Amino acid sequence: MTPLSVPPATTRMSSKGQIIIPKPLRTMHHWTAGTELEVIDVGDGLLLRPRVTFPATRLEDVAGCLPHSGPALTDEDIAAALAAGIQEQWRDRD
């Protein structure tokens, strides 16, 4: 068995280059009809993974894009707000 506890399966490529992904694997990965998959060549085989619908972004790419009114916050203000938020989340765990 594979590390994901799904027994090995065999499938066959059609004359049109199509294959059927066995149902237990589709179910386990929540892949339904219409799911777009990336096909990546990994040398001795192929890797299938769901296509990311939005490109990955970095904080530097989006920082400052939202409007802000009021004075700029200091590093100390931001640290205090983060600490208060963390304390609030931990209090809610009881």
PDB file of N, CA and C in Angstrom:
ATOM      1  N   MET A   1       0.831  -1.188   0.000  1.00  0.00           N
ATOM      2  CA  MET A   1       0.000   0.000   0.000  1.00  0.00           C
ATOM      3  C   MET A   1       0.876   1.251   0.000  1.00  0.00           C
ATOM      4  N   THR A   2       0.350   2.324  -0.553  1.00  0.00           N
ATOM      5  CA  THR A   2       1.080   3.581  -0.604  1.00  0.00           C
ATOM      6  C   THR A   2       0.988   4.271   0.744  1.00  0.00           C
ATOM      7  N   PRO A   3       1.808   5.300   0.962  1.00  0.00           N
ATOM      8  CA  PRO A   3       1.744   6.024   2.232  1.00  0.00           C
ATOM      9  C   PRO A   3       0.367   6.616   2.511  1.00  0.00           C
ATOM     10  N   LEU A   4      -0.437   6.816   1.485  1.00  0.00           N
ATOM     11  CA  LEU A   4      -1.759   7.409   1.674  1.00  0.00           C
ATOM     12  C   LEU A   4      -2.824   6.351   1.901  1.00  0.00           C
ATOM     13  N   SER A   5      -2.443   5.095   2.075  1.00  0.00           N
ATOM     14  CA  SER A   5      -3.353   3.987   2.375  1.00  0.00           C
ATOM     15  C   SER A   5      -4.368   3.708   1.268  1.00  0.00           C
ATOM     16  N   VAL A   6      -3.980   3.902   0.040  1.00  0.00           N
ATOM     17  CA  VAL A   6      -4.825   3.552  -1.095  1.00  0.00           C
ATOM     18  C   VAL A   6      -4.105   2.457  -1.854  1.00  0.00           C
ATOM     19  N   PRO A   7      -4.775   1.325  -2.098  1.00  0.00           N
ATOM     20  CA  PRO A   7      -4.088   0.240  -2.805  1.00  0.00           C
ATOM     21  C   PRO A   7      -3.687   0.667  -4.215  1.00  0.00           C
ATOM     22  N   PRO A   8      -2.603   0.112  -4.737  1.00  0.00           N
ATOM     23  CA  PRO A   8      -2.176   0.448  -6.095  1.00  0.00           C
ATOM     24  C   PRO A   8      -3.272   0.119  -7.097  1.00  0.00           C
ATOM     25  N   ALA A   9      -3.347   0.891  -8.138  1.00  0.00           N
ATOM     26  CA  ALA A   9      -4.353   0.674  -9.179  1.00  0.00           C
ATOM     27  C   ALA A   9      -3.680   0.764 -10.534  1.00  0.00           C
ATOM     28  N   THR A  10      -4.291   0.145 -11.513  1.00  0.00           N
ATOM     29  CA  THR A  10      -3.780   0.191 -12.879  1.00  0.00           C
ATOM     30  C   THR A  10      -4.835   0.829 -13.759  1.00  0.00           C
ATOM     31  N   THR A  11      -4.387   1.656 -14.669  1.00  0.00           N
ATOM     32  CA  THR A  11      -5.292   2.266 -15.637  1.00  0.00           C
ATOM     33  C   THR A  11      -4.618   2.178 -16.990  1.00  0.00           C
ATOM     34  N   ARG A  12      -5.343   2.429 -18.049  1.00  0.00           N
ATOM     35  CA  ARG A  12      -4.807   2.301 -19.402  1.00  0.00           C
ATOM     36  C   ARG A  12      -5.097   3.587 -20.172  1.00  0.00           C
ATOM     37  N   MET A  13      -4.129   4.014 -20.966  1.00  0.00           N
ATOM     38  CA  MET A  13      -4.323   5.201 -21.785  1.00  0.00           C
ATOM     39  C   MET A  13      -5.135   4.848 -23.024  1.00  0.00           C
ATOM     40  N   SER A  14      -6.096   5.722 -23.343  1.00  0.00           N
ATOM     41  CA  SER A  14      -6.922   5.499 -24.536  1.00  0.00           C
ATOM     42  C   SER A  14      -6.164   5.962 -25.777  1.00  0.00           C
ATOM     43  N   SER A  15      -6.732   5.689 -26.937  1.00  0.00           N
ATOM     44  CA  SER A  15      -6.102   6.113 -28.190  1.00  0.00           C
ATOM     45  C   SER A  15      -6.048   7.639 -28.302  1.00  0.00           C
ATOM     46  N   LYS A  16      -6.859   8.334 -27.507  1.00  0.00           N
ATOM     47  CA  LYS A  16      -6.859   9.800 -27.502  1.00  0.00           C
ATOM     48  C   LYS A  16      -5.937  10.370 -26.416  1.00  0.00           C
ATOM     49  N   GLY A  17      -5.200   9.507 -25.712  1.00  0.00           N
ATOM     50  CA  GLY A  17      -4.278   9.967 -24.686  1.00  0.00           C
ATOM     51  C   GLY A  17      -4.948  10.210 -23.341  1.00  0.00           C
ATOM     52  N   GLN A  18      -6.172   9.737 -23.167  1.00  0.00           N
ATOM     53  CA  GLN A  18      -6.882   9.942 -21.910  1.00  0.00           C
ATOM     54  C   GLN A  18      -6.680   8.761 -20.973  1.00  0.00           C
ATOM     55  N   ILE A  19      -6.644   9.070 -19.666  1.00  0.00           N
ATOM     56  CA  ILE A  19      -6.592   8.017 -18.666  1.00  0.00           C
ATOM     57  C   ILE A  19      -7.687   8.281 -17.641  1.00  0.00           C
ATOM     58  N   ILE A  20      -8.079   7.252 -16.929  1.00  0.00           N
ATOM     59  CA  ILE A  20      -9.062   7.396 -15.861  1.00  0.00           C
ATOM     60  C   ILE A  20      -8.317   7.295 -14.542  1.00  0.00           C
ATOM     61  N   ILE A  21      -8.492   8.288 -13.691  1.00  0.00           N
ATOM     62  CA  ILE A  21      -7.909   8.245 -12.357  1.00  0.00           C
ATOM     63  C   ILE A  21      -8.874   7.432 -11.500  1.00  0.00           C
ATOM     64  N   PRO A  22      -8.391   6.377 -10.860  1.00  0.00           N
ATOM     65  CA  PRO A  22      -9.285   5.528 -10.074  1.00  0.00           C
ATOM     66  C   PRO A  22     -10.095   6.316  -9.033  1.00  0.00           C
ATOM     67  N   LYS A  23     -11.346   5.913  -8.862  1.00  0.00           N
ATOM     68  CA  LYS A  23     -12.267   6.623  -7.976  1.00  0.00           C
ATOM     69  C   LYS A  23     -11.742   6.809  -6.560  1.00  0.00           C
ATOM     70  N   PRO A  24     -11.113   5.803  -5.917  1.00  0.00           N
ATOM     71  CA  PRO A  24     -10.619   6.056  -4.548  1.00  0.00           C
ATOM     72  C   PRO A  24      -9.634   7.219  -4.476  1.00  0.00           C
ATOM     73  N   LEU A  25      -8.803   7.370  -5.506  1.00  0.00           N
ATOM     74  CA  LEU A  25      -7.855   8.489  -5.529  1.00  0.00           C
ATOM     75  C   LEU A  25      -8.574   9.811  -5.768  1.00  0.00           C
ATOM     76  N   ARG A  26      -9.532   9.826  -6.682  1.00  0.00           N
ATOM     77  CA  ARG A  26     -10.299  11.057  -6.925  1.00  0.00           C
ATOM     78  C   ARG A  26     -11.039  11.478  -5.660  1.00  0.00           C
ATOM     79  N   THR A  27     -11.626  10.520  -4.972  1.00  0.00           N
ATOM     80  CA  THR A  27     -12.369  10.820  -3.753  1.00  0.00           C
ATOM     81  C   THR A  27     -11.434  11.346  -2.669  1.00  0.00           C
ATOM     82  N   MET A  28     -10.306  10.692  -2.481  1.00  0.00           N
ATOM     83  CA  MET A  28      -9.355  11.080  -1.446  1.00  0.00           C
ATOM     84  C   MET A  28      -8.851  12.505  -1.655  1.00  0.00           C
ATOM     85  N   HIS A  29      -8.654  12.890  -2.913  1.00  0.00           N
ATOM     86  CA  HIS A  29      -8.120  14.221  -3.216  1.00  0.00           C
ATOM     87  C   HIS A  29      -9.212  15.249  -3.489  1.00  0.00           C
ATOM     88  N   HIS A  30     -10.481  14.821  -3.396  1.00  0.00           N
ATOM     89  CA  HIS A  30     -11.623  15.713  -3.640  1.00  0.00           C
ATOM     90  C   HIS A  30     -11.598  16.287  -5.054  1.00  0.00           C
ATOM     91  N   TRP A  31     -11.186  15.467  -6.025  1.00  0.00           N
ATOM     92  CA  TRP A  31     -11.174  15.873  -7.419  1.00  0.00           C
ATOM     93  C   TRP A  31     -12.491  15.457  -8.036  1.00  0.00           C
ATOM     94  N   THR A  32     -13.230  16.421  -8.536  1.00  0.00           N
ATOM     95  CA  THR A  32     -14.514  16.147  -9.175  1.00  0.00           C
ATOM     96  C   THR A  32     -14.415  16.510 -10.651  1.00  0.00           C
ATOM     97  N   ALA A  33     -15.467  16.201 -11.395  1.00  0.00           N
ATOM     98  CA  ALA A  33     -15.482  16.533 -12.823  1.00  0.00           C
ATOM     99  C   ALA A  33     -15.219  18.024 -12.986  1.00  0.00           C
ATOM    100  N   GLY A  34     -14.341  18.356 -13.895  1.00  0.00           N
ATOM    101  CA  GLY A  34     -14.015  19.754 -14.158  1.00  0.00           C
ATOM    102  C   GLY A  34     -12.805  20.260 -13.392  1.00  0.00           C
ATOM    103  N   THR A  35     -12.289  19.476 -12.447  1.00  0.00           N
ATOM    104  CA  THR A  35     -11.088  19.897 -11.715  1.00  0.00           C
ATOM    105  C   THR A  35      -9.937  20.013 -12.700  1.00  0.00           C
ATOM    106  N   GLU A  36      -9.278  21.161 -12.698  1.00  0.00           N
ATOM    107  CA  GLU A  36      -8.126  21.344 -13.576  1.00  0.00           C
ATOM    108  C   GLU A  36      -6.877  20.854 -12.855  1.00  0.00           C
ATOM    109  N   LEU A  37      -6.100  20.030 -13.534  1.00  0.00           N
ATOM    110  CA  LEU A  37      -4.888  19.461 -12.960  1.00  0.00           C
ATOM    111  C   LEU A  37      -3.675  19.898 -13.758  1.00  0.00           C
ATOM    112  N   GLU A  38      -2.601  20.205 -13.060  1.00  0.00           N
ATOM    113  CA  GLU A  38      -1.318  20.454 -13.710  1.00  0.00           C
ATOM    114  C   GLU A  38      -0.637  19.113 -13.899  1.00  0.00           C
ATOM    115  N   VAL A  39       0.001  18.912 -15.027  1.00  0.00           N
ATOM    116  CA  VAL A  39       0.746  17.690 -15.302  1.00  0.00           C
ATOM    117  C   VAL A  39       2.218  18.081 -15.354  1.00  0.00           C
ATOM    118  N   ILE A  40       3.010  17.506 -14.447  1.00  0.00           N
ATOM    119  CA  ILE A  40       4.411  17.889 -14.309  1.00  0.00           C
ATOM    120  C   ILE A  40       5.280  16.664 -14.542  1.00  0.00           C
ATOM    121  N   ASP A  41       6.238  16.802 -15.447  1.00  0.00           N
ATOM    122  CA  ASP A  41       7.176  15.716 -15.743  1.00  0.00           C
ATOM    123  C   ASP A  41       8.212  15.658 -14.627  1.00  0.00           C
ATOM    124  N   VAL A  42       8.311  14.508 -13.960  1.00  0.00           N
ATOM    125  CA  VAL A  42       9.280  14.348 -12.875  1.00  0.00           C
ATOM    126  C   VAL A  42      10.351  13.320 -13.237  1.00  0.00           C
ATOM    127  N   GLY A  43      10.627  13.185 -14.498  1.00  0.00           N
ATOM    128  CA  GLY A  43      11.686  12.279 -14.938  1.00  0.00           C
ATOM    129  C   GLY A  43      11.170  10.897 -15.263  1.00  0.00           C
ATOM    130  N   ASP A  44      10.912  10.085 -14.239  1.00  0.00           N
ATOM    131  CA  ASP A  44      10.464   8.718 -14.499  1.00  0.00           C
ATOM    132  C   ASP A  44       8.950   8.578 -14.409  1.00  0.00           C
ATOM    133  N   GLY A  45       8.230   9.685 -14.369  1.00  0.00           N
ATOM    134  CA  GLY A  45       6.772   9.640 -14.309  1.00  0.00           C
ATOM    135  C   GLY A  45       6.183  11.034 -14.380  1.00  0.00           C
ATOM    136  N   LEU A  46       4.915  11.104 -14.063  1.00  0.00           N
ATOM    137  CA  LEU A  46       4.203  12.377 -14.090  1.00  0.00           C
ATOM    138  C   LEU A  46       3.607  12.649 -12.715  1.00  0.00           C
ATOM    139  N   LEU A  47       3.525  13.912 -12.364  1.00  0.00           N
ATOM    140  CA  LEU A  47       2.888  14.344 -11.139  1.00  0.00           C
ATOM    141  C   LEU A  47       1.641  15.120 -11.525  1.00  0.00           C
ATOM    142  N   LEU A  48       0.512  14.762 -10.922  1.00  0.00           N
ATOM    143  CA  LEU A  48      -0.722  15.503 -11.130  1.00  0.00           C
ATOM    144  C   LEU A  48      -1.033  16.270  -9.858  1.00  0.00           C
ATOM    145  N   ARG A  49      -1.363  17.550  -9.992  1.00  0.00           N
ATOM    146  CA  ARG A  49      -1.796  18.316  -8.826  1.00  0.00           C
ATOM    147  C   ARG A  49      -2.806  19.354  -9.286  1.00  0.00           C
ATOM    148  N   PRO A  50      -3.717  19.722  -8.393  1.00  0.00           N
ATOM    149  CA  PRO A  50      -4.728  20.707  -8.781  1.00  0.00           C
ATOM    150  C   PRO A  50      -4.072  22.009  -9.205  1.00  0.00           C
ATOM    151  N   ARG A  51      -4.639  22.599 -10.224  1.00  0.00           N
ATOM    152  CA  ARG A  51      -4.119  23.878 -10.714  1.00  0.00           C
ATOM    153  C   ARG A  51      -4.484  24.960  -9.709  1.00  0.00           C
ATOM    154  N   VAL A  52      -3.527  25.810  -9.376  1.00  0.00           N
ATOM    155  CA  VAL A  52      -3.768  26.924  -8.476  1.00  0.00           C
ATOM    156  C   VAL A  52      -4.534  27.986  -9.253  1.00  0.00           C
ATOM    157  N   THR A  53      -5.686  28.401  -8.711  1.00  0.00           N
ATOM    158  CA  THR A  53      -6.522  29.346  -9.451  1.00  0.00           C
ATOM    159  C   THR A  53      -5.980  30.763  -9.432  1.00  0.00           C
ATOM    160  N   PHE A  54      -5.230  31.103  -8.389  1.00  0.00           N
ATOM    161  CA  PHE A  54      -4.655  32.442  -8.314  1.00  0.00           C
ATOM    162  C   PHE A  54      -3.147  32.310  -8.237  1.00  0.00           C
ATOM    163  N   PRO A  55      -2.422  33.167  -8.943  1.00  0.00           N
ATOM    164  CA  PRO A  55      -0.968  33.076  -8.864  1.00  0.00           C
ATOM    165  C   PRO A  55      -0.490  33.433  -7.461  1.00  0.00           C
ATOM    166  N   ALA A  56       0.584  32.812  -7.045  1.00  0.00           N
ATOM    167  CA  ALA A  56       1.157  33.111  -5.741  1.00  0.00           C
ATOM    168  C   ALA A  56       1.647  34.554  -5.728  1.00  0.00           C
ATOM    169  N   THR A  57       1.449  35.222  -4.603  1.00  0.00           N
ATOM    170  CA  THR A  57       1.912  36.603  -4.472  1.00  0.00           C
ATOM    171  C   THR A  57       2.808  36.709  -3.253  1.00  0.00           C
ATOM    172  N   ARG A  58       3.590  37.751  -3.249  1.00  0.00           N
ATOM    173  CA  ARG A  58       4.459  38.029  -2.107  1.00  0.00           C
ATOM    174  C   ARG A  58       3.933  39.275  -1.418  1.00  0.00           C
ATOM    175  N   LEU A  59       4.201  39.403  -0.132  1.00  0.00           N
ATOM    176  CA  LEU A  59       3.753  40.560   0.616  1.00  0.00           C
ATOM    177  C   LEU A  59       4.245  41.850  -0.044  1.00  0.00           C
ATOM    178  N   GLU A  60       5.461  41.816  -0.553  1.00  0.00           N
ATOM    179  CA  GLU A  60       6.026  43.010  -1.192  1.00  0.00           C
ATOM    180  C   GLU A  60       5.195  43.438  -2.402  1.00  0.00           C
ATOM    181  N   ASP A  61       4.512  42.460  -3.049  1.00  0.00           N
ATOM    182  CA  ASP A  61       3.734  42.776  -4.235  1.00  0.00           C
ATOM    183  C   ASP A  61       2.415  43.471  -3.899  1.00  0.00           C
ATOM    184  N   VAL A  62       1.914  43.266  -2.691  1.00  0.00           N
ATOM    185  CA  VAL A  62       0.592  43.799  -2.357  1.00  0.00           C
ATOM    186  C   VAL A  62       0.597  44.797  -1.208  1.00  0.00           C
ATOM    187  N   ALA A  63       1.694  44.917  -0.487  1.00  0.00           N
ATOM    188  CA  ALA A  63       1.746  45.840   0.647  1.00  0.00           C
ATOM    189  C   ALA A  63       1.456  47.254   0.168  1.00  0.00           C
ATOM    190  N   GLY A  64       0.600  47.915   0.890  1.00  0.00           N
ATOM    191  CA  GLY A  64       0.277  49.295   0.563  1.00  0.00           C
ATOM    192  C   GLY A  64      -0.807  49.452  -0.475  1.00  0.00           C
ATOM    193  N   CYS A  65      -1.405  48.363  -0.951  1.00  0.00           N
ATOM    194  CA  CYS A  65      -2.408  48.492  -2.003  1.00  0.00           C
ATOM    195  C   CYS A  65      -3.797  48.806  -1.435  1.00  0.00           C
ATOM    196  N   LEU A  66      -4.017  48.610  -0.128  1.00  0.00           N
ATOM    197  CA  LEU A  66      -5.302  48.914   0.479  1.00  0.00           C
ATOM    198  C   LEU A  66      -5.273  50.317   1.067  1.00  0.00           C
ATOM    199  N   PRO A  67      -6.396  51.035   0.936  1.00  0.00           N
ATOM    200  CA  PRO A  67      -6.405  52.394   1.483  1.00  0.00           C
ATOM    201  C   PRO A  67      -6.358  52.372   3.010  1.00  0.00           C
ATOM    202  N   HIS A  68      -5.741  53.381   3.583  1.00  0.00           N
ATOM    203  CA  HIS A  68      -5.661  53.505   5.041  1.00  0.00           C
ATOM    204  C   HIS A  68      -5.900  54.952   5.394  1.00  0.00           C
ATOM    205  N   SER A  69      -6.793  55.172   6.371  1.00  0.00           N
ATOM    206  CA  SER A  69      -6.999  56.540   6.836  1.00  0.00           C
ATOM    207  C   SER A  69      -6.484  56.637   8.256  1.00  0.00           C
ATOM    208  N   GLY A  70      -5.947  57.748   8.601  1.00  0.00           N
ATOM    209  CA  GLY A  70      -5.415  57.941   9.940  1.00  0.00           C
ATOM    210  C   GLY A  70      -3.909  57.914   9.935  1.00  0.00           C
ATOM    211  N   PRO A  71      -3.344  58.147  11.104  1.00  0.00           N
ATOM    212  CA  PRO A  71      -1.875  58.180  11.183  1.00  0.00           C
ATOM    213  C   PRO A  71      -1.279  56.789  11.009  1.00  0.00           C
ATOM    214  N   ALA A  72      -0.054  56.759  10.548  1.00  0.00           N
ATOM    215  CA  ALA A  72       0.653  55.484  10.388  1.00  0.00           C
ATOM    216  C   ALA A  72       0.914  54.877  11.764  1.00  0.00           C
ATOM    217  N   LEU A  73       0.832  53.554  11.852  1.00  0.00           N
ATOM    218  CA  LEU A  73       1.092  52.867  13.108  1.00  0.00           C
ATOM    219  C   LEU A  73       2.589  52.649  13.281  1.00  0.00           C
ATOM    220  N   THR A  74       3.033  52.718  14.518  1.00  0.00           N
ATOM    221  CA  THR A  74       4.439  52.445  14.805  1.00  0.00           C
ATOM    222  C   THR A  74       4.625  50.937  14.935  1.00  0.00           C
ATOM    223  N   ASP A  75       5.864  50.501  14.913  1.00  0.00           N
ATOM    224  CA  ASP A  75       6.157  49.082  15.121  1.00  0.00           C
ATOM    225  C   ASP A  75       5.630  48.616  16.471  1.00  0.00           C
ATOM    226  N   GLU A  76       5.725  49.498  17.492  1.00  0.00           N
ATOM    227  CA  GLU A  76       5.243  49.152  18.831  1.00  0.00           C
ATOM    228  C   GLU A  76       3.717  48.974  18.828  1.00  0.00           C
ATOM    229  N   ASP A  77       2.999  49.846  18.110  1.00  0.00           N
ATOM    230  CA  ASP A  77       1.539  49.737  18.005  1.00  0.00           C
ATOM    231  C   ASP A  77       1.151  48.411  17.358  1.00  0.00           C
ATOM    232  N   ILE A  78       1.855  48.048  16.296  1.00  0.00           N
ATOM    233  CA  ILE A  78       1.558  46.802  15.575  1.00  0.00           C
ATOM    234  C   ILE A  78       1.846  45.605  16.474  1.00  0.00           C
ATOM    235  N   ALA A  79       2.973  45.615  17.171  1.00  0.00           N
ATOM    236  CA  ALA A  79       3.324  44.506  18.069  1.00  0.00           C
ATOM    237  C   ALA A  79       2.285  44.363  19.179  1.00  0.00           C
ATOM    238  N   ALA A  80       1.812  45.490  19.735  1.00  0.00           N
ATOM    239  CA  ALA A  80       0.804  45.442  20.797  1.00  0.00           C
ATOM    240  C   ALA A  80      -0.516  44.878  20.266  1.00  0.00           C
ATOM    241  N   ALA A  81      -0.910  45.271  19.066  1.00  0.00           N
ATOM    242  CA  ALA A  81      -2.151  44.762  18.474  1.00  0.00           C
ATOM    243  C   ALA A  81      -2.043  43.265  18.204  1.00  0.00           C
ATOM    244  N   LEU A  82      -0.896  42.811  17.705  1.00  0.00           N
ATOM    245  CA  LEU A  82      -0.704  41.376  17.470  1.00  0.00           C
ATOM    246  C   LEU A  82      -0.755  40.598  18.783  1.00  0.00           C
ATOM    247  N   ALA A  83      -0.104  41.111  19.827  1.00  0.00           N
ATOM    248  CA  ALA A  83      -0.110  40.439  21.125  1.00  0.00           C
ATOM    249  C   ALA A  83      -1.525  40.357  21.679  1.00  0.00           C
ATOM    250  N   ALA A  84      -2.292  41.433  21.551  1.00  0.00           N
ATOM    251  CA  ALA A  84      -3.677  41.429  22.039  1.00  0.00           C
ATOM    252  C   ALA A  84      -4.510  40.412  21.266  1.00  0.00           C
ATOM    253  N   GLY A  85      -4.311  40.336  19.970  1.00  0.00           N
ATOM    254  CA  GLY A  85      -5.053  39.366  19.161  1.00  0.00           C
ATOM    255  C   GLY A  85      -4.725  37.932  19.529  1.00  0.00           C
ATOM    256  N   ILE A  86      -3.451  37.670  19.783  1.00  0.00           N
ATOM    257  CA  ILE A  86      -3.031  36.317  20.172  1.00  0.00           C
ATOM    258  C   ILE A  86      -3.632  35.958  21.524  1.00  0.00           C
ATOM    259  N   GLN A  87      -3.582  36.888  22.475  1.00  0.00           N
ATOM    260  CA  GLN A  87      -4.163  36.622  23.801  1.00  0.00           C
ATOM    261  C   GLN A  87      -5.665  36.355  23.682  1.00  0.00           C
ATOM    262  N   GLU A  88      -6.347  37.096  22.836  1.00  0.00           N
ATOM    263  CA  GLU A  88      -7.790  36.899  22.652  1.00  0.00           C
ATOM    264  C   GLU A  88      -8.091  35.521  22.061  1.00  0.00           C
ATOM    265  N   GLN A  89      -7.303  35.099  21.098  1.00  0.00           N
ATOM    266  CA  GLN A  89      -7.505  33.783  20.503  1.00  0.00           C
ATOM    267  C   GLN A  89      -7.287  32.669  21.531  1.00  0.00           C
ATOM    268  N   TRP A  90      -6.266  32.805  22.383  1.00  0.00           N
ATOM    269  CA  TRP A  90      -5.985  31.773  23.374  1.00  0.00           C
ATOM    270  C   TRP A  90      -7.055  31.743  24.449  1.00  0.00           C
ATOM    271  N   ARG A  91      -7.618  32.900  24.811  1.00  0.00           N
ATOM    272  CA  ARG A  91      -8.691  32.930  25.804  1.00  0.00           C
ATOM    273  C   ARG A  91      -9.923  32.213  25.293  1.00  0.00           C
ATOM    274  N   ASP A  92     -10.195  32.299  23.991  1.00  0.00           N
ATOM    275  CA  ASP A  92     -11.368  31.650  23.386  1.00  0.00           C
ATOM    276  C   ASP A  92     -11.237  30.143  23.314  1.00  0.00           C
ATOM    277  N   ARG A  93     -10.076  29.578  23.610  1.00  0.00           N
ATOM    278  CA  ARG A  93      -9.867  28.124  23.508  1.00  0.00           C
ATOM    279  C   ARG A  93     -10.383  27.376  24.725  1.00  0.00           C
ATOM    280  N   ASP A  94     -10.699  28.051  25.784  1.00  0.00           N
ATOM    281  CA  ASP A  94     -11.163  27.384  27.006  1.00  0.00           C
ATOM    282  C   ASP A  94     -12.523  26.756  26.828  1.00  0.00           C
TER     283      ASP A  94
END
